[in-house]
């Protein structure tokens, strides 16, 4: 087959290209140009997919392709990325929610705009591969394309991919999904890839998030659950539900952000126990293993990318929404984050958290 590989300049996508080339496929490397200086400040030097140090990553991807003897193309996706990902990121934070930009970028930009732009530029390919730690499958009984956790559960990235469509999954390849991270690095080293010791990506943005988010709602009150003013915050976009550090409040016991009230420009804080929720409402759901949710279903739920799965029952609501009832209380169920539903290694689907419920 002729396979296009989304190249980030990191070791995972580089080894994905290496494996496909070794398997005898015709491989072409694709990278996205996302950064349009001087939209924000200088980089911090940490590895990220968006920031002023993008040129270094593009050079690294080009060097890997040259080493492998495959063509390399760069698609300018900056305008789409700013409108679709950065604009949403800004709006969500200013509305008091905590978005996950990678969840939005993957289906709309990386698996959407990028391969489309490549085809418009005259490149023809059968499949699109990335260096994500995940696995694809197929349910012949129900005719559904599937998404599964990676073999290396420590590096599993299926949480960030739950919004991929059936068409996108049908074309997707995840060559490193069956490998462990240490195997990937060793393969890169043995193959002499110049990125074999490339550092892990630390975030989606290499810079100060405030450069992306600053809005008109500046400083405001920090209050307790009774509405008593305890201090001042530095802008609601600087905080997330469950946050403890950086509140600047002296108290006898640790305080956590319980609610971000953007309409009144205030934070509500309280004890850690008050962050626990037994239920949640989830909207804008996307389904993979099923066409839609029609009845109660026992699942495991991740309410943040780094969190442990929690046992739960999901039930359909109106307008494509879902109610999640946890088997045990879950801390910091954060509006704007994704709740992703699993059955063992299989991704059932997921959606955007509207609210945690008592």
Protein backbone atom coordinates (compact mmCIF):
# COMPACT_ATOMS: atom_id res chain seq x y z
CA UNK A 1 0.00 0.00 0.00
CA UNK A 2 0.91 3.65 -0.24
CA UNK A 3 0.77 5.06 3.27
CA UNK A 4 1.07 8.63 4.49
CA UNK A 5 2.50 9.00 7.99
CA UNK A 6 1.77 12.02 10.15
CA UNK A 7 5.25 13.05 11.31
CA UNK A 8 5.68 15.17 14.44
CA UNK A 9 9.47 15.12 14.60
CA UNK A 10 9.28 12.74 17.57
CA UNK A 11 10.42 9.16 18.00
CA UNK A 12 6.97 7.51 17.87
CA UNK A 13 5.87 8.77 14.45
CA UNK A 14 9.40 8.22 13.15
CA UNK A 15 9.34 4.56 14.17
CA UNK A 16 5.85 4.23 12.69
CA UNK A 17 7.31 5.31 9.33
CA UNK A 18 10.30 2.99 9.83
CA UNK A 19 8.08 -0.05 10.48
CA UNK A 20 5.88 0.62 7.48
CA UNK A 21 8.88 1.09 5.20
CA UNK A 22 10.38 -2.17 6.46
CA UNK A 23 7.07 -3.93 5.78
CA UNK A 24 7.44 -3.02 2.11
CA UNK A 25 4.90 -0.23 1.85
CA UNK A 26 5.39 2.94 -0.16
CA UNK A 27 5.64 5.56 2.59
CA UNK A 28 5.45 9.35 2.52
CA UNK A 29 5.94 11.62 5.52
CA UNK A 30 3.46 14.44 6.26
CA UNK A 31 3.87 17.23 8.80
CA UNK A 32 1.60 20.10 9.80
CA UNK A 33 2.69 23.71 9.97
CA UNK A 34 0.57 25.16 12.79
CA UNK A 35 2.50 28.10 14.18
CA UNK A 36 2.11 31.62 12.79
CA UNK A 37 4.50 33.94 14.67
CA UNK A 38 4.22 36.31 16.39
CA UNK A 39 0.79 35.16 17.66
CA UNK A 40 2.17 34.67 21.17
CA UNK A 41 5.37 34.78 23.20
CA UNK A 42 8.65 32.89 23.09
CA UNK A 43 8.93 29.16 23.62
CA UNK A 44 10.00 27.50 26.84
CA UNK A 45 12.11 24.81 25.19
CA UNK A 46 9.83 21.93 26.20
CA UNK A 47 8.62 19.67 23.41
CA UNK A 48 5.10 20.51 22.23
CA UNK A 49 3.08 20.29 19.03
CA UNK A 50 2.26 24.01 18.92
CA UNK A 51 4.69 26.82 19.57
CA UNK A 52 7.51 29.01 18.26
CA UNK A 53 9.96 26.10 18.21
CA UNK A 54 7.96 24.33 15.50
CA UNK A 55 10.69 24.75 12.88
CA UNK A 56 13.00 22.47 14.88
CA UNK A 57 10.36 19.72 14.86
CA UNK A 58 9.77 20.12 11.14
CA UNK A 59 13.52 19.86 10.50
CA UNK A 60 13.67 16.72 12.64
CA UNK A 61 10.80 15.13 10.72
CA UNK A 62 12.49 16.00 7.44
CA UNK A 63 15.77 14.50 8.62
CA UNK A 64 14.04 11.24 9.57
CA UNK A 65 12.37 11.03 6.16
CA UNK A 66 15.70 11.69 4.45
CA UNK A 67 17.31 8.96 6.59
CA UNK A 68 14.55 6.52 5.61
CA UNK A 69 14.65 7.57 1.95
CA UNK A 70 10.99 8.59 1.79
CA UNK A 71 9.40 11.82 0.50
CA UNK A 72 8.49 14.53 3.00
CA UNK A 73 5.77 17.14 2.65
CA UNK A 74 4.61 19.95 4.95
CA UNK A 75 1.00 21.16 4.86
CA UNK A 76 0.10 24.61 6.17
CA UNK A 77 -2.78 23.93 8.59
CA UNK A 78 -2.23 27.04 10.72
CA UNK A 79 -5.44 28.88 9.88
CA UNK A 80 -7.61 25.81 10.44
CA UNK A 81 -5.80 25.06 13.70
CA UNK A 82 -6.21 28.57 15.06
CA UNK A 83 -9.89 28.71 14.15
CA UNK A 84 -10.79 25.19 15.21
CA UNK A 85 -8.51 24.37 18.14
CA UNK A 86 -7.06 27.58 19.57
CA UNK A 87 -10.34 29.48 19.20
CA UNK A 88 -12.23 26.74 21.03
CA UNK A 89 -9.49 26.51 23.68
CA UNK A 90 -9.80 30.23 24.38
CA UNK A 91 -13.60 30.28 24.41
CA UNK A 92 -13.85 27.30 26.73
CA UNK A 93 -11.40 28.66 29.29
CA UNK A 94 -13.09 32.06 29.30
CA UNK A 95 -16.41 30.28 29.88
CA UNK A 96 -15.07 28.55 32.98
CA UNK A 97 -14.48 25.15 31.38
CA UNK A 98 -11.22 23.20 30.92
CA UNK A 99 -10.89 21.91 27.34
CA UNK A 100 -8.58 19.24 25.98
CA UNK A 101 -7.19 20.60 22.69
CA UNK A 102 -5.74 17.24 21.58
CA UNK A 103 -9.20 15.64 21.69
CA UNK A 104 -10.39 18.32 19.25
CA UNK A 105 -7.26 18.43 17.09
CA UNK A 106 -7.07 14.72 16.28
CA UNK A 107 -10.36 14.21 14.39
CA UNK A 108 -10.61 17.71 12.95
CA UNK A 109 -6.99 18.59 12.09
CA UNK A 110 -4.55 15.68 12.29
CA UNK A 111 -6.88 13.04 10.81
CA UNK A 112 -8.99 15.62 8.94
CA UNK A 113 -7.37 18.74 7.54
CA UNK A 114 -3.86 17.25 7.18
CA UNK A 115 -4.64 14.25 4.94
CA UNK A 116 -7.20 16.32 3.03
CA UNK A 117 -4.60 19.04 2.38
CA UNK A 118 -2.10 16.42 1.23
CA UNK A 119 -4.57 14.97 -1.27
CA UNK A 120 -5.44 18.44 -2.55
CA UNK A 121 -1.70 18.95 -3.11
CA UNK A 122 -1.70 15.92 -5.41
CA UNK A 123 -0.51 13.18 -3.03
CA UNK A 124 -2.33 9.86 -3.36
CA UNK A 125 -2.28 7.30 -0.54
CA UNK A 126 -4.36 4.39 0.71
CA UNK A 127 -4.01 4.73 4.47
CA UNK A 128 -2.99 7.34 7.04
CA UNK A 129 -0.71 6.32 9.93
CA UNK A 130 0.41 8.09 13.09
CA UNK A 131 2.66 7.38 16.06
CA UNK A 132 -0.23 7.21 18.54
CA UNK A 133 -0.18 4.46 21.12
CA UNK A 134 -3.51 2.85 20.25
CA UNK A 135 -4.85 -0.06 18.21
CA UNK A 136 -7.54 -0.30 15.55
CA UNK A 137 -9.85 -3.24 14.93
CA UNK A 138 -13.03 -4.35 13.21
CA UNK A 139 -16.27 -5.88 14.47
CA UNK A 140 -17.50 -7.97 11.54
CA UNK A 141 -20.78 -8.83 13.28
CA UNK A 142 -21.90 -5.22 13.63
CA UNK A 143 -19.80 -3.75 10.82
CA UNK A 144 -18.07 -1.28 13.15
CA UNK A 145 -14.50 -0.01 13.04
CA UNK A 146 -13.02 -0.25 16.53
CA UNK A 147 -10.48 1.60 18.65
CA UNK A 148 -8.59 -0.20 21.41
CA UNK A 149 -6.09 0.69 24.09
CA UNK A 150 -2.41 0.30 23.26
CA UNK A 151 -0.45 -2.71 24.43
CA UNK A 152 1.64 -0.33 26.58
CA UNK A 153 -1.10 0.92 28.88
CA UNK A 154 1.30 3.43 30.45
CA UNK A 155 1.50 5.24 27.11
CA UNK A 156 -2.01 4.53 25.85
CA UNK A 157 -3.44 7.47 23.88
CA UNK A 158 -6.87 6.09 22.98
CA UNK A 159 -8.42 8.74 25.27
CA UNK A 160 -7.35 11.43 22.78
CA UNK A 161 -8.75 9.54 19.77
CA UNK A 162 -12.31 8.69 20.83
CA UNK A 163 -13.81 11.26 18.45
CA UNK A 164 -12.39 9.65 15.30
CA UNK A 165 -15.12 8.78 12.82
CA UNK A 166 -15.73 5.37 11.29
CA UNK A 167 -14.23 6.58 8.01
CA UNK A 168 -11.15 7.91 9.76
CA UNK A 169 -10.65 4.65 11.66
CA UNK A 170 -11.08 2.66 8.46
CA UNK A 171 -8.09 4.50 6.99
CA UNK A 172 -6.02 4.69 10.18
CA UNK A 173 -2.92 2.70 11.08
CA UNK A 174 -1.19 2.79 14.47
CA UNK A 175 2.09 0.89 13.92
CA UNK A 176 3.48 1.41 17.45
CA UNK A 177 0.26 0.42 19.21
CA UNK A 178 1.51 -3.14 19.70
CA UNK A 179 4.87 -1.99 21.12
CA UNK A 180 6.17 -0.69 24.41
CA UNK A 181 7.83 2.70 24.55
CA UNK A 182 11.22 1.25 25.40
CA UNK A 183 10.99 -1.01 22.32
CA UNK A 184 10.20 1.99 20.14
CA UNK A 185 13.22 3.92 21.41
CA UNK A 186 15.50 0.92 20.94
CA UNK A 187 14.25 0.40 17.37
CA UNK A 188 14.95 4.06 16.64
CA UNK A 189 18.42 3.82 18.13
CA UNK A 190 19.33 0.67 16.23
CA UNK A 191 18.05 2.18 12.97
CA UNK A 192 20.16 5.29 13.56
CA UNK A 193 17.18 7.63 13.53
CA UNK A 194 18.32 11.11 14.55
CA UNK A 195 15.35 11.47 16.95
CA UNK A 196 15.92 8.26 18.96
CA UNK A 197 16.56 10.31 22.12
CA UNK A 198 14.04 13.06 21.37
CA UNK A 199 12.33 14.15 24.63
CA UNK A 200 8.69 13.30 25.34
CA UNK A 201 6.13 15.91 24.33
CA UNK A 202 5.12 17.73 27.52
CA UNK A 203 2.08 19.67 26.36
CA UNK A 204 0.20 20.84 23.33
CA UNK A 205 1.62 24.41 23.63
CA UNK A 206 5.20 25.54 24.16
CA UNK A 207 4.59 28.82 25.94
CA UNK A 208 2.48 30.63 28.52
CA UNK A 209 -1.16 29.58 28.16
CA UNK A 210 -2.23 33.06 29.24
CA UNK A 211 -0.89 34.32 25.88
CA UNK A 212 -3.58 32.22 24.19
CA UNK A 213 -6.44 32.77 26.62
CA UNK A 214 -6.31 36.27 28.12
CA UNK A 215 -9.74 37.89 27.98
CA UNK A 216 -11.75 40.69 29.46
CA UNK A 217 -12.67 38.89 32.67
CA UNK A 218 -9.62 39.68 34.78
CA UNK A 219 -9.20 39.47 38.54
CA UNK A 220 -12.16 38.49 40.70
CA UNK A 221 -13.22 37.02 44.02
CA UNK A 222 -12.43 33.62 45.46
CA UNK A 223 -15.33 32.59 47.69
CA UNK A 224 -16.27 29.63 49.88
CA UNK A 225 -19.46 27.63 49.44
CA UNK A 226 -21.36 30.17 51.56
CA UNK A 227 -20.21 33.02 49.35
CA UNK A 228 -17.71 34.53 51.81
CA UNK A 229 -14.80 36.23 50.04
CA UNK A 230 -11.49 34.54 50.88
CA UNK A 231 -9.17 36.14 48.35
CA UNK A 232 -8.70 37.24 44.75
CA UNK A 233 -8.01 35.21 41.62
CA UNK A 234 -5.91 36.27 38.62
CA UNK A 235 -8.44 35.45 35.88
CA UNK A 236 -10.64 32.36 35.69
CA UNK A 237 -8.63 30.93 32.76
CA UNK A 238 -5.75 30.25 35.17
CA UNK A 239 -7.71 27.61 37.14
CA UNK A 240 -9.42 24.26 36.79
CA UNK A 241 -11.81 22.28 38.95
CA UNK A 242 -9.90 20.26 41.55
CA UNK A 243 -6.91 22.62 41.55
CA UNK A 244 -5.23 23.15 44.94
CA UNK A 245 -1.96 24.96 44.25
CA UNK A 246 -1.69 28.57 43.25
CA UNK A 247 -4.81 29.90 44.98
CA UNK A 248 -2.86 32.24 47.25
CA UNK A 249 -5.15 31.67 50.22
CA UNK A 250 -3.97 30.93 53.75
CA UNK A 251 -6.36 28.48 55.40
CA UNK A 252 -6.34 25.92 58.20
CA UNK A 253 -7.02 23.11 55.73
CA UNK A 254 -6.21 22.77 52.02
CA UNK A 255 -8.73 24.36 49.67
CA UNK A 256 -9.63 23.15 46.19
CA UNK A 257 -11.44 24.77 43.28
CA UNK A 258 -15.00 23.42 43.31
CA UNK A 259 -16.54 25.62 40.64
CA UNK A 260 -15.48 28.22 38.10
CA UNK A 261 -18.30 30.75 37.85
CA UNK A 262 -17.25 32.67 34.75
CA UNK A 263 -20.53 34.62 34.53
CA UNK A 264 -19.83 36.16 37.96
CA UNK A 265 -16.04 36.03 37.48
CA UNK A 266 -15.36 34.12 40.66
CA UNK A 267 -13.96 30.86 41.94
CA UNK A 268 -15.77 28.74 44.52
CA UNK A 269 -13.42 26.77 46.76
CA UNK A 270 -13.79 24.20 49.51
CA UNK A 271 -12.35 21.04 51.08
CA UNK A 272 -11.14 18.11 49.00
CA UNK A 273 -14.18 16.04 50.00
CA UNK A 274 -16.39 18.57 48.22
CA UNK A 275 -14.72 17.78 44.88
CA UNK A 276 -16.17 14.24 44.92
CA UNK A 277 -19.03 13.43 42.55
CA UNK A 278 -21.22 10.35 42.20
CA UNK A 279 -22.60 11.26 38.77
CA UNK A 280 -21.98 13.46 35.76
CA UNK A 281 -23.77 14.70 32.68
CA UNK A 282 -21.89 14.34 29.39
CA UNK A 283 -22.80 16.02 26.08
CA UNK A 284 -21.64 16.06 22.45
CA UNK A 285 -21.03 12.32 22.53
CA UNK A 286 -19.14 10.40 19.87
CA UNK A 287 -19.52 6.63 19.56
CA UNK A 288 -17.16 4.02 18.13
CA UNK A 289 -18.11 0.50 19.26
CA UNK A 290 -21.83 1.29 18.97
CA UNK A 291 -23.77 3.51 16.59
CA UNK A 292 -25.44 5.24 19.55
CA UNK A 293 -26.30 4.51 23.17
CA UNK A 294 -29.83 3.14 23.46
CA UNK A 295 -29.79 1.53 26.91
CA UNK A 296 -27.86 1.45 30.18
CA UNK A 297 -24.36 0.11 29.80
CA UNK A 298 -21.71 -0.94 32.31
CA UNK A 299 -18.35 0.65 31.46
CA UNK A 300 -15.14 2.03 32.84
CA UNK A 301 -14.81 5.80 32.54
CA UNK A 302 -11.77 8.05 32.37
CA UNK A 303 -12.67 11.65 33.23
CA UNK A 304 -9.16 12.96 32.48
CA UNK A 305 -6.36 11.67 30.28
CA UNK A 306 -4.06 10.77 33.18
CA UNK A 307 -6.78 9.43 35.46
CA UNK A 308 -7.53 5.85 36.36
CA UNK A 309 -10.65 4.27 34.85
CA UNK A 310 -13.61 4.26 37.24
CA UNK A 311 -16.44 1.75 37.14
CA UNK A 312 -19.73 3.33 36.06
CA UNK A 313 -23.07 2.91 34.37
CA UNK A 314 -23.93 5.19 31.45
CA UNK A 315 -27.53 5.92 30.46
CA UNK A 316 -28.89 7.79 27.42
CA UNK A 317 -30.46 11.22 27.93
CA UNK A 318 -32.06 13.63 25.47
CA UNK A 319 -30.21 15.36 22.62
CA UNK A 320 -27.43 12.78 22.52
CA UNK A 321 -26.38 13.39 26.11
CA UNK A 322 -25.41 10.73 28.63
CA UNK A 323 -25.70 10.38 32.39
CA UNK A 324 -22.76 8.72 34.12
CA UNK A 325 -23.31 7.09 37.51
CA UNK A 326 -20.02 6.15 39.14
CA UNK A 327 -19.65 3.03 41.27
CA UNK A 328 -17.70 5.10 43.81
CA UNK A 329 -17.19 8.87 44.20
CA UNK A 330 -14.78 10.43 41.68
CA UNK A 331 -12.79 13.61 42.39
CA UNK A 332 -12.64 16.69 40.19
CA UNK A 333 -15.11 15.83 37.45
CA UNK A 334 -14.26 18.85 35.35
CA UNK A 335 -16.59 20.59 32.86
CA UNK A 336 -14.96 20.80 29.44
CA UNK A 337 -12.83 17.70 29.87
CA UNK A 338 -13.71 14.46 28.11
CA UNK A 339 -15.31 11.43 29.71
CA UNK A 340 -14.22 8.39 27.68
CA UNK A 341 -16.06 5.09 28.07
CA UNK A 342 -14.27 1.73 27.90
CA UNK A 343 -15.12 -1.93 28.13
CA UNK A 344 -11.82 -3.56 29.00
CA UNK A 345 -9.46 -2.55 26.14
CA UNK A 346 -12.25 -1.37 23.83
CA UNK A 347 -13.22 2.30 23.44
CA UNK A 348 -17.02 2.47 23.42
CA UNK A 349 -17.17 6.25 22.93
CA UNK A 350 -17.11 9.44 24.95
CA UNK A 351 -18.21 13.04 25.26
CA UNK A 352 -17.61 16.40 26.88
CA UNK A 353 -18.39 16.73 30.59
CA UNK A 354 -21.15 19.26 31.24
CA UNK A 355 -21.18 18.99 35.03
CA UNK A 356 -20.38 16.76 37.95
CA UNK A 357 -23.47 15.84 39.95
CA UNK A 358 -23.79 15.02 43.67
